[in-house]
Amino acid sequence: MPDTAIPKHEIEALARCLFPEIQRFFESENGRREFAEWRASQGVNSNSAMKEDDPQKYGEAAS
């Protein structure tokens, strides 16, 4: 986790609140469609699984 002035327990509390909503969105028809559109715009094959060993390819920060 990157260094931040925000206490870890505050980040975790926020994540507990946001995660269910984010998960519901990506499980919805609209969320799946938007994610597929985003992947297509990134040049990602929709039939391939996202590689966890290459997080920067998908716009995530390396841990």
Protein backbone atom coordinates (compact mmCIF):
# COMPACT_ATOMS: atom_id res chain seq x y z
CA MET A 1 0.00 0.00 0.00
CA PRO A 2 1.41 3.42 -0.88
CA ASP A 3 2.42 5.83 1.85
CA THR A 4 -0.43 8.17 2.74
CA ALA A 5 -1.54 10.34 5.62
CA ILE A 6 -4.87 8.50 5.65
CA PRO A 7 -4.94 5.90 8.43
CA LYS A 8 -5.21 2.29 7.25
CA HIS A 9 -8.44 1.71 9.22
CA GLU A 10 -10.07 4.66 7.40
CA ILE A 11 -9.10 3.26 4.00
CA GLU A 12 -10.43 -0.16 5.00
CA ALA A 13 -13.72 1.36 6.24
CA LEU A 14 -14.14 3.21 2.95
CA ALA A 15 -13.36 0.05 1.00
CA ARG A 16 -15.98 -1.90 3.00
CA CYS A 17 -18.58 0.72 2.03
CA LEU A 18 -17.62 1.03 -1.64
CA PHE A 19 -16.74 -2.53 -2.57
CA PRO A 20 -20.31 -3.97 -2.52
CA GLU A 21 -21.53 -1.12 -4.77
CA ILE A 22 -18.63 -1.53 -7.18
CA GLN A 23 -19.16 -5.28 -7.26
CA ARG A 24 -22.90 -4.88 -7.97
CA PHE A 25 -22.11 -2.47 -10.81
CA PHE A 26 -19.65 -4.81 -12.51
CA GLU A 27 -22.08 -7.72 -12.11
CA SER A 28 -24.89 -5.74 -13.76
CA GLU A 29 -25.60 -5.82 -17.49
CA ASN A 30 -24.63 -2.14 -17.80
CA GLY A 31 -21.42 -2.66 -15.83
CA ARG A 32 -20.38 -5.67 -17.92
CA ARG A 33 -21.08 -3.73 -21.11
CA GLU A 34 -19.10 -0.67 -19.97
CA PHE A 35 -16.21 -2.86 -18.84
CA ALA A 36 -16.18 -4.67 -22.19
CA GLU A 37 -16.15 -1.29 -23.98
CA TRP A 38 -13.27 -0.10 -21.79
CA ARG A 39 -11.30 -3.29 -22.43
CA ALA A 40 -11.85 -2.92 -26.18
CA SER A 41 -10.61 0.68 -26.01
CA GLN A 42 -7.48 -0.59 -24.23
CA GLY A 43 -6.84 -3.23 -26.90
CA VAL A 44 -7.54 -6.08 -24.47
CA ASN A 45 -8.98 -9.28 -25.94
CA SER A 46 -12.37 -9.78 -24.27
CA ASN A 47 -11.88 -13.57 -24.30
CA SER A 48 -8.59 -13.49 -22.41
CA ALA A 49 -8.30 -13.28 -18.65
CA MET A 50 -6.60 -10.26 -17.12
CA LYS A 51 -3.05 -11.11 -16.19
CA GLU A 52 -2.36 -10.45 -12.52
CA ASP A 53 1.37 -10.40 -13.23
CA ASP A 54 0.98 -7.33 -15.48
CA PRO A 55 -1.12 -4.81 -13.47
CA GLN A 56 0.20 -1.72 -15.26
CA LYS A 57 -1.24 -2.95 -18.55
CA TYR A 58 -4.71 -2.52 -17.02
CA GLY A 59 -4.15 0.87 -15.42
CA GLU A 60 -3.43 -0.43 -11.92
CA ALA A 61 -0.47 0.56 -9.80
CA ALA A 62 2.13 -2.09 -9.13
CA SER A 63 2.17 -3.27 -5.52
